[in-house]
Amino acid sequence: MVFETIVANLLNKYLSQFVDELTAKQLNLFAWSGTISLDNIKVKPNAFDSLSLPFRVIHGHIGRIEALIPWKSLYSSPVVIKLSDVYVIALPNSGILIVIKTFDN
């Protein structure tokens, strides 16, 4: 569990802009086989603001992220990252203002 805590802290350092804090309990690590998986990741609402996308994320959740790292052929084979059970609520950045007005009788 110590190694998982170290990896979780390292991932938090690089992913903290995009996701809420990761814990060692969310991390399944099989270092020698090159398989790393994270479960139940919450995406921050402002995660993609710096990318100037035409939408903004209101709520986001990723069920699982799996990374396959080919340690023996790292320079010649790709690192494969799979996302599953992705749920995102996004709104367009159109600048449209919606005003709801009630009328008294």
C-alpha atoms as a PDB file:
ATOM      1  CA  MET A   1       0.000   0.000   0.000  1.00  0.00           C
ATOM      2  CA  VAL A   2       2.990   2.303   0.461  1.00  0.00           C
ATOM      3  CA  PHE A   3       3.867   2.181  -3.238  1.00  0.00           C
ATOM      4  CA  GLU A   4       0.255   2.935  -4.197  1.00  0.00           C
ATOM      5  CA  THR A   5       0.305   5.987  -1.894  1.00  0.00           C
ATOM      6  CA  ILE A   6       3.480   7.273  -3.546  1.00  0.00           C
ATOM      7  CA  VAL A   7       1.998   6.800  -7.039  1.00  0.00           C
ATOM      8  CA  ALA A   8      -1.296   8.446  -5.971  1.00  0.00           C
ATOM      9  CA  ASN A   9       0.627  11.467  -4.650  1.00  0.00           C
ATOM     10  CA  LEU A  10       2.578  11.688  -7.907  1.00  0.00           C
ATOM     11  CA  LEU A  11      -0.618  11.486  -9.988  1.00  0.00           C
ATOM     12  CA  ASN A  12      -2.216  14.192  -7.823  1.00  0.00           C
ATOM     13  CA  LYS A  13       0.722  16.452  -8.556  1.00  0.00           C
ATOM     14  CA  TYR A  14       0.136  16.246 -12.317  1.00  0.00           C
ATOM     15  CA  LEU A  15      -3.637  15.724 -12.513  1.00  0.00           C
ATOM     16  CA  SER A  16      -4.872  18.016  -9.731  1.00  0.00           C
ATOM     17  CA  GLN A  17      -5.977  20.625 -12.289  1.00  0.00           C
ATOM     18  CA  PHE A  18      -8.384  18.120 -13.845  1.00  0.00           C
ATOM     19  CA  VAL A  19      -9.607  15.723 -11.133  1.00  0.00           C
ATOM     20  CA  ASP A  20     -10.351  15.757  -7.418  1.00  0.00           C
ATOM     21  CA  GLU A  21      -7.692  14.314  -5.159  1.00  0.00           C
ATOM     22  CA  LEU A  22      -6.900  10.676  -5.830  1.00  0.00           C
ATOM     23  CA  THR A  23      -6.302   8.192  -3.030  1.00  0.00           C
ATOM     24  CA  ALA A  24      -4.359   4.948  -2.832  1.00  0.00           C
ATOM     25  CA  LYS A  25      -7.689   3.088  -2.427  1.00  0.00           C
ATOM     26  CA  GLN A  26      -8.733   4.185  -5.923  1.00  0.00           C
ATOM     27  CA  LEU A  27      -5.490   2.890  -7.434  1.00  0.00           C
ATOM     28  CA  ASN A  28      -4.820  -0.664  -8.607  1.00  0.00           C
ATOM     29  CA  LEU A  29      -1.178  -1.013  -9.465  1.00  0.00           C
ATOM     30  CA  PHE A  30       0.506  -3.946 -11.148  1.00  0.00           C
ATOM     31  CA  ALA A  31       3.837  -2.267 -11.814  1.00  0.00           C
ATOM     32  CA  TRP A  32       5.758  -5.198 -13.275  1.00  0.00           C
ATOM     33  CA  SER A  33       3.034  -5.997 -15.796  1.00  0.00           C
ATOM     34  CA  GLY A  34       2.651  -2.313 -16.656  1.00  0.00           C
ATOM     35  CA  THR A  35      -1.019  -2.077 -15.706  1.00  0.00           C
ATOM     36  CA  ILE A  36      -2.336   0.822 -13.659  1.00  0.00           C
ATOM     37  CA  SER A  37      -6.023   1.506 -13.074  1.00  0.00           C
ATOM     38  CA  LEU A  38      -7.934   4.199 -11.226  1.00  0.00           C
ATOM     39  CA  ASP A  39     -11.560   3.852 -10.184  1.00  0.00           C
ATOM     40  CA  ASN A  40     -14.272   6.433  -9.463  1.00  0.00           C
ATOM     41  CA  ILE A  41     -12.591   9.677 -10.461  1.00  0.00           C
ATOM     42  CA  LYS A  42     -14.474  12.957 -10.124  1.00  0.00           C
ATOM     43  CA  VAL A  43     -13.678  15.544 -12.812  1.00  0.00           C
ATOM     44  CA  LYS A  44     -13.383  19.133 -11.568  1.00  0.00           C
ATOM     45  CA  PRO A  45     -15.922  21.599 -13.027  1.00  0.00           C
ATOM     46  CA  ASN A  46     -13.168  23.939 -14.255  1.00  0.00           C
ATOM     47  CA  ALA A  47     -10.944  21.139 -15.578  1.00  0.00           C
ATOM     48  CA  PHE A  48     -10.929  22.254 -19.203  1.00  0.00           C
ATOM     49  CA  ASP A  49     -11.179  26.039 -18.819  1.00  0.00           C
ATOM     50  CA  SER A  50      -7.527  26.575 -19.781  1.00  0.00           C
ATOM     51  CA  LEU A  51      -8.053  24.746 -23.101  1.00  0.00           C
ATOM     52  CA  SER A  52     -10.470  27.365 -24.529  1.00  0.00           C
ATOM     53  CA  LEU A  53     -13.009  24.737 -25.582  1.00  0.00           C
ATOM     54  CA  PRO A  54     -16.464  25.790 -26.806  1.00  0.00           C
ATOM     55  CA  PHE A  55     -18.047  24.193 -23.703  1.00  0.00           C
ATOM     56  CA  ARG A  56     -17.615  24.098 -19.950  1.00  0.00           C
ATOM     57  CA  VAL A  57     -17.962  21.080 -17.707  1.00  0.00           C
ATOM     58  CA  ILE A  58     -20.597  21.339 -15.003  1.00  0.00           C
ATOM     59  CA  HIS A  59     -20.171  17.819 -13.620  1.00  0.00           C
ATOM     60  CA  GLY A  60     -17.967  14.918 -14.631  1.00  0.00           C
ATOM     61  CA  HIS A  61     -17.216  11.394 -13.448  1.00  0.00           C
ATOM     62  CA  ILE A  62     -14.963   8.667 -14.849  1.00  0.00           C
ATOM     63  CA  GLY A  63     -15.671   5.126 -13.711  1.00  0.00           C
ATOM     64  CA  ARG A  64     -12.261   3.732 -14.604  1.00  0.00           C
ATOM     65  CA  ILE A  65      -8.987   4.797 -16.211  1.00  0.00           C
ATOM     66  CA  GLU A  66      -6.615   2.020 -17.259  1.00  0.00           C
ATOM     67  CA  ALA A  67      -3.067   2.590 -18.448  1.00  0.00           C
ATOM     68  CA  LEU A  68      -0.994  -0.123 -20.107  1.00  0.00           C
ATOM     69  CA  ILE A  69       2.697   0.741 -20.022  1.00  0.00           C
ATOM     70  CA  PRO A  70       5.052  -1.504 -22.056  1.00  0.00           C
ATOM     71  CA  TRP A  71       8.128  -1.242 -19.808  1.00  0.00           C
ATOM     72  CA  LYS A  72      10.260  -3.562 -21.953  1.00  0.00           C
ATOM     73  CA  SER A  73       9.621  -1.593 -25.143  1.00  0.00           C
ATOM     74  CA  LEU A  74       8.790   1.868 -23.855  1.00  0.00           C
ATOM     75  CA  TYR A  75      10.497   3.700 -26.742  1.00  0.00           C
ATOM     76  CA  SER A  76       9.009   1.594 -29.520  1.00  0.00           C
ATOM     77  CA  SER A  77       5.512   0.668 -28.276  1.00  0.00           C
ATOM     78  CA  PRO A  78       2.661   2.998 -27.362  1.00  0.00           C
ATOM     79  CA  VAL A  79       1.305   3.626 -23.889  1.00  0.00           C
ATOM     80  CA  VAL A  80      -2.403   2.805 -24.069  1.00  0.00           C
ATOM     81  CA  ILE A  81      -4.905   4.648 -21.877  1.00  0.00           C
ATOM     82  CA  LYS A  82      -8.525   3.485 -21.734  1.00  0.00           C
ATOM     83  CA  LEU A  83     -11.403   5.394 -20.149  1.00  0.00           C
ATOM     84  CA  SER A  84     -14.665   3.669 -19.318  1.00  0.00           C
ATOM     85  CA  ASP A  85     -17.967   4.766 -17.824  1.00  0.00           C
ATOM     86  CA  VAL A  86     -17.415   8.446 -18.613  1.00  0.00           C
ATOM     87  CA  TYR A  87     -20.250  10.736 -17.574  1.00  0.00           C
ATOM     88  CA  VAL A  88     -20.061  14.475 -18.298  1.00  0.00           C
ATOM     89  CA  ILE A  89     -22.571  17.295 -18.123  1.00  0.00           C
ATOM     90  CA  ALA A  90     -21.372  20.251 -20.194  1.00  0.00           C
ATOM     91  CA  LEU A  91     -22.815  23.567 -21.321  1.00  0.00           C
ATOM     92  CA  PRO A  92     -21.821  25.643 -24.343  1.00  0.00           C
ATOM     93  CA  ASN A  93     -19.720  28.755 -23.819  1.00  0.00           C
ATOM     94  CA  SER A  94     -22.007  30.800 -26.042  1.00  0.00           C
ATOM     95  CA  GLY A  95     -22.495  33.682 -23.657  1.00  0.00           C
ATOM     96  CA  ILE A  96     -26.275  33.311 -23.813  1.00  0.00           C
ATOM     97  CA  LEU A  97     -28.003  34.803 -20.804  1.00  0.00           C
ATOM     98  CA  ILE A  98     -31.321  33.285 -19.845  1.00  0.00           C
ATOM     99  CA  VAL A  99     -33.579  35.455 -17.720  1.00  0.00           C
ATOM    100  CA  ILE A 100     -36.639  34.033 -16.041  1.00  0.00           C
ATOM    101  CA  LYS A 101     -39.180  36.637 -15.027  1.00  0.00           C
ATOM    102  CA  THR A 102     -42.361  36.075 -13.094  1.00  0.00           C
ATOM    103  CA  PHE A 103     -45.465  38.245 -13.418  1.00  0.00           C
ATOM    104  CA  ASP A 104     -47.706  39.119 -10.481  1.00  0.00           C
ATOM    105  CA  ASN A 105     -51.455  39.157 -11.094  1.00  0.00           C
END
